[in-house]
PDB file of N, CA and C in Angstrom:
ATOM      1  N   MET A   1     181.426 127.496 160.333  1.00  0.00           N
ATOM      2  CA  MET A   1     181.135 128.025 159.014  1.00  0.00           C
ATOM      3  C   MET A   1     179.781 128.734 159.082  1.00  0.00           C
ATOM      4  N   ILE A   2     179.712 129.916 158.447  1.00  0.00           N
ATOM      5  CA  ILE A   2     178.452 130.640 158.386  1.00  0.00           C
ATOM      6  C   ILE A   2     178.117 130.966 156.931  1.00  0.00           C
ATOM      7  N   THR A   3     176.857 131.287 156.707  1.00  0.00           N
ATOM      8  CA  THR A   3     176.388 131.704 155.386  1.00  0.00           C
ATOM      9  C   THR A   3     175.918 133.150 155.483  1.00  0.00           C
ATOM     10  N   VAL A   4     176.374 133.985 154.560  1.00  0.00           N
ATOM     11  CA  VAL A   4     175.901 135.366 154.467  1.00  0.00           C
ATOM     12  C   VAL A   4     175.425 135.620 153.043  1.00  0.00           C
ATOM     13  N   ARG A   5     174.497 136.548 152.918  1.00  0.00           N
ATOM     14  CA  ARG A   5     173.980 136.902 151.589  1.00  0.00           C
ATOM     15  C   ARG A   5     174.434 138.315 151.252  1.00  0.00           C
ATOM     16  N   ALA A   6     174.981 138.480 150.076  1.00  0.00           N
ATOM     17  CA  ALA A   6     175.379 139.784 149.564  1.00  0.00           C
ATOM     18  C   ALA A   6     174.326 140.248 148.568  1.00  0.00           C
ATOM     19  N   GLU A   7     173.844 141.467 148.763  1.00  0.00           N
ATOM     20  CA  GLU A   7     172.895 142.078 147.827  1.00  0.00           C
ATOM     21  C   GLU A   7     173.613 143.228 147.129  1.00  0.00           C
ATOM     22  N   TYR A   8     173.545 143.233 145.803  1.00  0.00           N
ATOM     23  CA  TYR A   8     174.296 144.202 145.018  1.00  0.00           C
ATOM     24  C   TYR A   8     173.382 145.208 144.339  1.00  0.00           C
ATOM     25  N   GLN A   9     173.833 146.459 144.346  1.00  0.00           N
ATOM     26  CA  GLN A   9     173.133 147.513 143.632  1.00  0.00           C
ATOM     27  C   GLN A   9     174.129 148.288 142.783  1.00  0.00           C
ATOM     28  N   ALA A  10     173.603 148.974 141.790  1.00  0.00           N
ATOM     29  CA  ALA A  10     174.371 149.884 140.939  1.00  0.00           C
ATOM     30  C   ALA A  10     175.641 149.231 140.383  1.00  0.00           C
ATOM     31  N   ARG A  11     176.769 149.852 140.626  1.00  0.00           N
ATOM     32  CA  ARG A  11     178.054 149.405 140.063  1.00  0.00           C
ATOM     33  C   ARG A  11     178.411 147.977 140.496  1.00  0.00           C
ATOM     34  N   PHE A  12     178.064 147.618 141.731  1.00  0.00           N
ATOM     35  CA  PHE A  12     178.330 146.254 142.196  1.00  0.00           C
ATOM     36  C   PHE A  12     177.568 145.237 141.359  1.00  0.00           C
ATOM     37  N   ARG A  13     176.345 145.565 141.030  1.00  0.00           N
ATOM     38  CA  ARG A  13     175.532 144.671 140.199  1.00  0.00           C
ATOM     39  C   ARG A  13     176.095 144.580 138.788  1.00  0.00           C
ATOM     40  N   GLU A  14     176.634 145.671 138.286  1.00  0.00           N
ATOM     41  CA  GLU A  14     177.248 145.650 136.961  1.00  0.00           C
ATOM     42  C   GLU A  14     178.437 144.684 136.928  1.00  0.00           C
ATOM     43  N   ILE A  15     179.217 144.669 137.990  1.00  0.00           N
ATOM     44  CA  ILE A  15     180.397 143.798 138.043  1.00  0.00           C
ATOM     45  C   ILE A  15     179.990 142.339 138.222  1.00  0.00           C
ATOM     46  N   THR A  16     179.062 142.070 139.137  1.00  0.00           N
ATOM     47  CA  THR A  16     178.697 140.687 139.447  1.00  0.00           C
ATOM     48  C   THR A  16     177.695 140.093 138.467  1.00  0.00           C
ATOM     49  N   ARG A  17     176.879 140.939 137.870  1.00  0.00           N
ATOM     50  CA  ARG A  17     175.814 140.526 136.949  1.00  0.00           C
ATOM     51  C   ARG A  17     174.728 139.692 137.634  1.00  0.00           C
ATOM     52  N   VAL A  18     174.628 139.855 138.957  1.00  0.00           N
ATOM     53  CA  VAL A  18     173.554 139.232 139.730  1.00  0.00           C
ATOM     54  C   VAL A  18     173.063 140.237 140.770  1.00  0.00           C
ATOM     55  N   ASN A  19     171.819 140.050 141.222  1.00  0.00           N
ATOM     56  CA  ASN A  19     171.257 140.921 142.257  1.00  0.00           C
ATOM     57  C   ASN A  19     171.761 140.537 143.645  1.00  0.00           C
ATOM     58  N   GLU A  20     171.965 139.242 143.843  1.00  0.00           N
ATOM     59  CA  GLU A  20     172.421 138.770 145.141  1.00  0.00           C
ATOM     60  C   GLU A  20     173.044 137.392 145.002  1.00  0.00           C
ATOM     61  N   GLU A  21     173.809 137.011 146.012  1.00  0.00           N
ATOM     62  CA  GLU A  21     174.387 135.674 146.066  1.00  0.00           C
ATOM     63  C   GLU A  21     174.774 135.378 147.501  1.00  0.00           C
ATOM     64  N   THR A  22     175.001 134.112 147.790  1.00  0.00           N
ATOM     65  CA  THR A  22     175.401 133.723 149.135  1.00  0.00           C
ATOM     66  C   THR A  22     176.859 133.272 149.136  1.00  0.00           C
ATOM     67  N   PHE A  23     177.483 133.458 150.276  1.00  0.00           N
ATOM     68  CA  PHE A  23     178.866 133.047 150.480  1.00  0.00           C
ATOM     69  C   PHE A  23     178.951 132.228 151.760  1.00  0.00           C
ATOM     70  N   GLN A  24     179.764 131.186 151.732  1.00  0.00           N
ATOM     71  CA  GLN A  24     180.077 130.385 152.909  1.00  0.00           C
ATOM     72  C   GLN A  24     181.403 130.898 153.460  1.00  0.00           C
ATOM     73  N   LEU A  25     181.401 131.321 154.713  1.00  0.00           N
ATOM     74  CA  LEU A  25     182.607 131.852 155.329  1.00  0.00           C
ATOM     75  C   LEU A  25     183.094 130.920 156.427  1.00  0.00           C
ATOM     76  N   SER A  26     184.371 130.589 156.412  1.00  0.00           N
ATOM     77  CA  SER A  26     184.923 129.759 157.478  1.00  0.00           C
ATOM     78  C   SER A  26     185.151 130.595 158.732  1.00  0.00           C
ATOM     79  N   GLN A  27     185.396 131.889 158.549  1.00  0.00           N
ATOM     80  CA  GLN A  27     185.508 132.832 159.656  1.00  0.00           C
ATOM     81  C   GLN A  27     184.422 133.883 159.459  1.00  0.00           C
ATOM     82  N   PRO A  28     183.716 134.272 160.517  1.00  0.00           N
ATOM     83  CA  PRO A  28     182.600 135.205 160.356  1.00  0.00           C
ATOM     84  C   PRO A  28     183.046 136.660 160.263  1.00  0.00           C
ATOM     85  N   LEU A  29     183.917 136.968 159.317  1.00  0.00           N
ATOM     86  CA  LEU A  29     184.506 138.303 159.221  1.00  0.00           C
ATOM     87  C   LEU A  29     184.208 138.963 157.886  1.00  0.00           C
ATOM     88  N   VAL A  30     183.989 140.277 157.933  1.00  0.00           N
ATOM     89  CA  VAL A  30     183.803 141.047 156.706  1.00  0.00           C
ATOM     90  C   VAL A  30     185.043 140.910 155.830  1.00  0.00           C
ATOM     91  N   SER A  31     186.215 140.843 156.425  1.00  0.00           N
ATOM     92  CA  SER A  31     187.448 140.719 155.643  1.00  0.00           C
ATOM     93  C   SER A  31     187.445 139.447 154.803  1.00  0.00           C
ATOM     94  N   GLU A  32     186.915 138.349 155.327  1.00  0.00           N
ATOM     95  CA  GLU A  32     186.856 137.121 154.531  1.00  0.00           C
ATOM     96  C   GLU A  32     185.859 137.255 153.389  1.00  0.00           C
ATOM     97  N   LEU A  33     184.718 137.880 153.666  1.00  0.00           N
ATOM     98  CA  LEU A  33     183.731 138.113 152.611  1.00  0.00           C
ATOM     99  C   LEU A  33     184.344 138.969 151.502  1.00  0.00           C
ATOM    100  N   ALA A  34     185.027 140.031 151.873  1.00  0.00           N
ATOM    101  CA  ALA A  34     185.666 140.908 150.883  1.00  0.00           C
ATOM    102  C   ALA A  34     186.709 140.147 150.071  1.00  0.00           C
ATOM    103  N   GLN A  35     187.470 139.299 150.735  1.00  0.00           N
ATOM    104  CA  GLN A  35     188.490 138.508 150.035  1.00  0.00           C
ATOM    105  C   GLN A  35     187.842 137.564 149.022  1.00  0.00           C
ATOM    106  N   LEU A  36     186.770 136.882 149.412  1.00  0.00           N
ATOM    107  CA  LEU A  36     186.085 135.969 148.491  1.00  0.00           C
ATOM    108  C   LEU A  36     185.500 136.724 147.300  1.00  0.00           C
ATOM    109  N   MET A  37     184.955 137.902 147.554  1.00  0.00           N
ATOM    110  CA  MET A  37     184.375 138.696 146.465  1.00  0.00           C
ATOM    111  C   MET A  37     185.439 139.162 145.490  1.00  0.00           C
ATOM    112  N   THR A  38     186.581 139.613 146.007  1.00  0.00           N
ATOM    113  CA  THR A  38     187.627 140.087 145.095  1.00  0.00           C
ATOM    114  C   THR A  38     188.273 138.929 144.339  1.00  0.00           C
ATOM    115  N   GLN A  39     188.373 137.763 144.967  1.00  0.00           N
ATOM    116  CA  GLN A  39     188.886 136.588 144.255  1.00  0.00           C
ATOM    117  C   GLN A  39     187.938 136.195 143.122  1.00  0.00           C
ATOM    118  N   LYS A  40     186.649 136.267 143.382  1.00  0.00           N
ATOM    119  CA  LYS A  40     185.667 135.847 142.390  1.00  0.00           C
ATOM    120  C   LYS A  40     185.529 136.843 141.247  1.00  0.00           C
ATOM    121  N   TYR A  41     185.565 138.146 141.556  1.00  0.00           N
ATOM    122  CA  TYR A  41     185.263 139.162 140.550  1.00  0.00           C
ATOM    123  C   TYR A  41     186.447 140.004 140.109  1.00  0.00           C
ATOM    124  N   GLY A  42     187.600 139.826 140.711  1.00  0.00           N
ATOM    125  CA  GLY A  42     188.813 140.436 140.206  1.00  0.00           C
ATOM    126  C   GLY A  42     189.058 141.890 140.559  1.00  0.00           C
ATOM    127  N   ALA A  43     189.925 142.505 139.752  1.00  0.00           N
ATOM    128  CA  ALA A  43     190.445 143.845 140.020  1.00  0.00           C
ATOM    129  C   ALA A  43     189.362 144.917 140.049  1.00  0.00           C
ATOM    130  N   ARG A  44     188.366 144.808 139.203  1.00  0.00           N
ATOM    131  CA  ARG A  44     187.295 145.820 139.204  1.00  0.00           C
ATOM    132  C   ARG A  44     186.552 145.821 140.529  1.00  0.00           C
ATOM    133  N   MET A  45     186.275 144.634 141.060  1.00  0.00           N
ATOM    134  CA  MET A  45     185.594 144.555 142.354  1.00  0.00           C
ATOM    135  C   MET A  45     186.506 145.065 143.459  1.00  0.00           C
ATOM    136  N   GLU A  46     187.765 144.677 143.423  1.00  0.00           N
ATOM    137  CA  GLU A  46     188.698 145.128 144.455  1.00  0.00           C
ATOM    138  C   GLU A  46     188.810 146.646 144.463  1.00  0.00           C
ATOM    139  N   ALA A  47     188.881 147.268 143.306  1.00  0.00           N
ATOM    140  CA  ALA A  47     188.986 148.724 143.219  1.00  0.00           C
ATOM    141  C   ALA A  47     187.745 149.415 143.785  1.00  0.00           C
ATOM    142  N   LEU A  48     186.595 148.828 143.599  1.00  0.00           N
ATOM    143  CA  LEU A  48     185.356 149.403 144.106  1.00  0.00           C
ATOM    144  C   LEU A  48     185.177 149.114 145.593  1.00  0.00           C
ATOM    145  N   LEU A  49     185.618 147.967 146.032  1.00  0.00           N
ATOM    146  CA  LEU A  49     185.356 147.478 147.385  1.00  0.00           C
ATOM    147  C   LEU A  49     186.386 147.929 148.425  1.00  0.00           C
ATOM    148  N   ILE A  50     187.656 147.957 148.069  1.00  0.00           N
ATOM    149  CA  ILE A  50     188.735 148.188 149.034  1.00  0.00           C
ATOM    150  C   ILE A  50     189.465 149.502 148.771  1.00  0.00           C
ATOM    151  N   ASP A  51     189.647 150.293 149.824  1.00  0.00           N
ATOM    152  CA  ASP A  51     190.431 151.522 149.738  1.00  0.00           C
ATOM    153  C   ASP A  51     191.911 151.134 149.697  1.00  0.00           C
ATOM    154  N   PRO A  52     192.639 151.502 148.640  1.00  0.00           N
ATOM    155  CA  PRO A  52     194.037 151.067 148.514  1.00  0.00           C
ATOM    156  C   PRO A  52     194.954 151.651 149.587  1.00  0.00           C
ATOM    157  N   ASN A  53     194.578 152.780 150.181  1.00  0.00           N
ATOM    158  CA  ASN A  53     195.419 153.411 151.199  1.00  0.00           C
ATOM    159  C   ASN A  53     195.208 152.820 152.589  1.00  0.00           C
ATOM    160  N   THR A  54     193.962 152.558 152.949  1.00  0.00           N
ATOM    161  CA  THR A  54     193.659 152.079 154.303  1.00  0.00           C
ATOM    162  C   THR A  54     193.460 150.572 154.377  1.00  0.00           C
ATOM    163  N   LYS A  55     193.214 149.939 153.237  1.00  0.00           N
ATOM    164  CA  LYS A  55     192.893 148.506 153.146  1.00  0.00           C
ATOM    165  C   LYS A  55     191.568 148.169 153.841  1.00  0.00           C
ATOM    166  N   ASP A  56     190.776 149.195 154.177  1.00  0.00           N
ATOM    167  CA  ASP A  56     189.439 149.010 154.728  1.00  0.00           C
ATOM    168  C   ASP A  56     188.462 149.062 153.561  1.00  0.00           C
ATOM    169  N   LEU A  57     187.190 148.887 153.865  1.00  0.00           N
ATOM    170  CA  LEU A  57     186.193 149.045 152.812  1.00  0.00           C
ATOM    171  C   LEU A  57     186.236 150.471 152.313  1.00  0.00           C
ATOM    172  N   ASN A  58     186.049 150.645 151.036  1.00  0.00           N
ATOM    173  CA  ASN A  58     186.130 151.943 150.383  1.00  0.00           C
ATOM    174  C   ASN A  58     184.915 152.782 150.749  1.00  0.00           C
ATOM    175  N   ASN A  59     185.119 153.892 151.442  1.00  0.00           N
ATOM    176  CA  ASN A  59     184.019 154.793 151.807  1.00  0.00           C
ATOM    177  C   ASN A  59     183.887 155.955 150.841  1.00  0.00           C
ATOM    178  N   ASN A  60     184.647 155.933 149.764  1.00  0.00           N
ATOM    179  CA  ASN A  60     184.612 157.003 148.781  1.00  0.00           C
ATOM    180  C   ASN A  60     183.530 156.712 147.743  1.00  0.00           C
ATOM    181  N   GLY A  61     182.304 157.094 148.070  1.00  0.00           N
ATOM    182  CA  GLY A  61     181.199 156.915 147.134  1.00  0.00           C
ATOM    183  C   GLY A  61     180.495 155.577 147.218  1.00  0.00           C
ATOM    184  N   THR A  62     180.865 154.746 148.182  1.00  0.00           N
ATOM    185  CA  THR A  62     180.207 153.459 148.344  1.00  0.00           C
ATOM    186  C   THR A  62     179.681 153.312 149.770  1.00  0.00           C
ATOM    187  N   VAL A  63     178.666 152.452 149.938  1.00  0.00           N
ATOM    188  CA  VAL A  63     178.068 152.212 151.241  1.00  0.00           C
ATOM    189  C   VAL A  63     177.890 150.711 151.413  1.00  0.00           C
ATOM    190  N   PHE A  64     178.212 150.216 152.607  1.00  0.00           N
ATOM    191  CA  PHE A  64     178.070 148.804 152.931  1.00  0.00           C
ATOM    192  C   PHE A  64     177.266 148.713 154.212  1.00  0.00           C
ATOM    193  N   LEU A  65     176.093 148.104 154.161  1.00  0.00           N
ATOM    194  CA  LEU A  65     175.194 148.048 155.310  1.00  0.00           C
ATOM    195  C   LEU A  65     174.893 146.612 155.695  1.00  0.00           C
ATOM    196  N   ASP A  66     174.786 146.372 157.010  1.00  0.00           N
ATOM    197  CA  ASP A  66     174.396 145.047 157.476  1.00  0.00           C
ATOM    198  C   ASP A  66     172.876 144.939 157.565  1.00  0.00           C
ATOM    199  N   SER A  67     172.394 143.824 158.058  1.00  0.00           N
ATOM    200  CA  SER A  67     170.956 143.567 158.130  1.00  0.00           C
ATOM    201  C   SER A  67     170.212 144.573 159.006  1.00  0.00           C
ATOM    202  N   LYS A  68     170.931 145.215 159.905  1.00  0.00           N
ATOM    203  CA  LYS A  68     170.327 146.178 160.819  1.00  0.00           C
ATOM    204  C   LYS A  68     170.428 147.612 160.300  1.00  0.00           C
ATOM    205  N   GLY A  69     170.980 147.773 159.095  1.00  0.00           N
ATOM    206  CA  GLY A  69     171.111 149.099 158.498  1.00  0.00           C
ATOM    207  C   GLY A  69     172.328 149.871 158.975  1.00  0.00           C
ATOM    208  N   ARG A  70     173.269 149.177 159.620  1.00  0.00           N
ATOM    209  CA  ARG A  70     174.484 149.828 160.098  1.00  0.00           C
ATOM    210  C   ARG A  70     175.608 149.673 159.082  1.00  0.00           C
ATOM    211  N   ARG A  71     176.434 150.719 158.988  1.00  0.00           N
ATOM    212  CA  ARG A  71     177.625 150.628 158.130  1.00  0.00           C
ATOM    213  C   ARG A  71     178.587 149.613 158.723  1.00  0.00           C
ATOM    214  N   ILE A  72     179.238 148.878 157.854  1.00  0.00           N
ATOM    215  CA  ILE A  72     180.207 147.888 158.313  1.00  0.00           C
ATOM    216  C   ILE A  72     181.612 148.302 157.904  1.00  0.00           C
ATOM    217  N   CYS A  73     182.601 147.734 158.594  1.00  0.00           N
ATOM    218  CA  CYS A  73     183.995 147.945 158.210  1.00  0.00           C
ATOM    219  C   CYS A  73     184.671 146.579 158.096  1.00  0.00           C
ATOM    220  N   ILE A  74     185.859 146.565 157.603  1.00  0.00           N
ATOM    221  CA  ILE A  74     186.566 145.338 157.253  1.00  0.00           C
ATOM    222  C   ILE A  74     186.811 144.426 158.455  1.00  0.00           C
ATOM    223  N   THR A  75     186.889 144.977 159.658  1.00  0.00           N
ATOM    224  CA  THR A  75     187.182 144.178 160.851  1.00  0.00           C
ATOM    225  C   THR A  75     185.934 143.678 161.568  1.00  0.00           C
ATOM    226  N   ASP A  76     184.752 144.006 161.080  1.00  0.00           N
ATOM    227  CA  ASP A  76     183.508 143.592 161.739  1.00  0.00           C
ATOM    228  C   ASP A  76     183.280 142.087 161.629  1.00  0.00           C
ATOM    229  N   THR A  77     182.556 141.578 162.605  1.00  0.00           N
ATOM    230  CA  THR A  77     182.160 140.177 162.639  1.00  0.00           C
ATOM    231  C   THR A  77     180.741 140.056 162.091  1.00  0.00           C
ATOM    232  N   LEU A  78     180.502 138.998 161.336  1.00  0.00           N
ATOM    233  CA  LEU A  78     179.178 138.748 160.752  1.00  0.00           C
ATOM    234  C   LEU A  78     178.495 137.591 161.469  1.00  0.00           C
ATOM    235  N   GLU A  79     177.172 137.592 161.414  1.00  0.00           N
ATOM    236  CA  GLU A  79     176.386 136.505 161.988  1.00  0.00           C
ATOM    237  C   GLU A  79     175.874 135.604 160.873  1.00  0.00           C
ATOM    238  N   ASP A  80     175.609 134.353 161.225  1.00  0.00           N
ATOM    239  CA  ASP A  80     175.032 133.428 160.262  1.00  0.00           C
ATOM    240  C   ASP A  80     173.698 133.983 159.774  1.00  0.00           C
ATOM    241  N   GLY A  81     173.491 133.981 158.468  1.00  0.00           N
ATOM    242  CA  GLY A  81     172.259 134.481 157.876  1.00  0.00           C
ATOM    243  C   GLY A  81     172.245 135.979 157.619  1.00  0.00           C
ATOM    244  N   GLU A  82     173.322 136.654 157.939  1.00  0.00           N
ATOM    245  CA  GLU A  82     173.419 138.101 157.752  1.00  0.00           C
ATOM    246  C   GLU A  82     173.260 138.461 156.274  1.00  0.00           C
ATOM    247  N   VAL A  83     172.660 139.614 156.021  1.00  0.00           N
ATOM    248  CA  VAL A  83     172.525 140.156 154.671  1.00  0.00           C
ATOM    249  C   VAL A  83     173.321 141.455 154.628  1.00  0.00           C
ATOM    250  N   ILE A  84     174.237 141.545 153.676  1.00  0.00           N
ATOM    251  CA  ILE A  84     175.048 142.744 153.512  1.00  0.00           C
ATOM    252  C   ILE A  84     174.693 143.389 152.173  1.00  0.00           C
ATOM    253  N   ALA A  85     174.334 144.659 152.234  1.00  0.00           N
ATOM    254  CA  ALA A  85     174.000 145.407 151.016  1.00  0.00           C
ATOM    255  C   ALA A  85     175.226 146.200 150.555  1.00  0.00           C
ATOM    256  N   PHE A  86     175.552 146.052 149.296  1.00  0.00           N
ATOM    257  CA  PHE A  86     176.669 146.761 148.672  1.00  0.00           C
ATOM    258  C   PHE A  86     176.081 147.737 147.669  1.00  0.00           C
ATOM    259  N   MET A  87     176.295 149.031 147.917  1.00  0.00           N
ATOM    260  CA  MET A  87     175.690 150.049 147.047  1.00  0.00           C
ATOM    261  C   MET A  87     176.594 151.251 146.864  1.00  0.00           C
ATOM    262  N   VAL A  88     176.261 152.033 145.872  1.00  0.00           N
ATOM    263  CA  VAL A  88     176.972 153.275 145.606  1.00  0.00           C
ATOM    264  C   VAL A  88     176.162 154.406 146.235  1.00  0.00           C
ATOM    265  N   ALA A  89     176.844 155.283 146.974  1.00  0.00           N
ATOM    266  CA  ALA A  89     176.170 156.409 147.610  1.00  0.00           C
ATOM    267  C   ALA A  89     175.702 157.400 146.553  1.00  0.00           C
ATOM    268  N   ILE A  90     174.510 157.900 146.763  1.00  0.00           N
ATOM    269  CA  ILE A  90     173.936 158.869 145.833  1.00  0.00           C
ATOM    270  C   ILE A  90     173.682 160.158 146.587  1.00  0.00           C
ATOM    271  N   ALA A  91     174.157 161.249 146.025  1.00  0.00           N
ATOM    272  CA  ALA A  91     173.957 162.555 146.638  1.00  0.00           C
ATOM    273  C   ALA A  91     173.057 163.402 145.757  1.00  0.00           C
ATOM    274  N   GLY A  92     172.499 164.398 146.342  1.00  0.00           N
ATOM    275  CA  GLY A  92     171.664 165.320 145.572  1.00  0.00           C
ATOM    276  C   GLY A  92     170.288 165.428 146.187  1.00  0.00           C
ATOM    277  N   GLY A  93     169.430 166.080 145.500  1.00  0.00           N
ATOM    278  CA  GLY A  93     168.108 166.216 146.073  1.00  0.00           C
ATOM    279  C   GLY A  93     167.335 167.113 145.272  1.00  0.00           C
TER     280      GLY A  93
END
């Protein structure tokens, strides 16, 4: 079992109503984290988090980064103590 921390920004924060929270995962997989989040927060979170066509994390206007600043995908493995940032991509300048 591992513990990971999810940090939420923008639309993710609107859905969760918290800045961050921790999850206990029995398997160290992004897919398990995504499943726990959608179970907890429902259809709105699933629509924002998961691409309905690919079943991977939704890359359409959203960004998911690990503690090292790398983008993650649904099949990635997580480490104990990992921090995952969930945010909406912002364009412009």
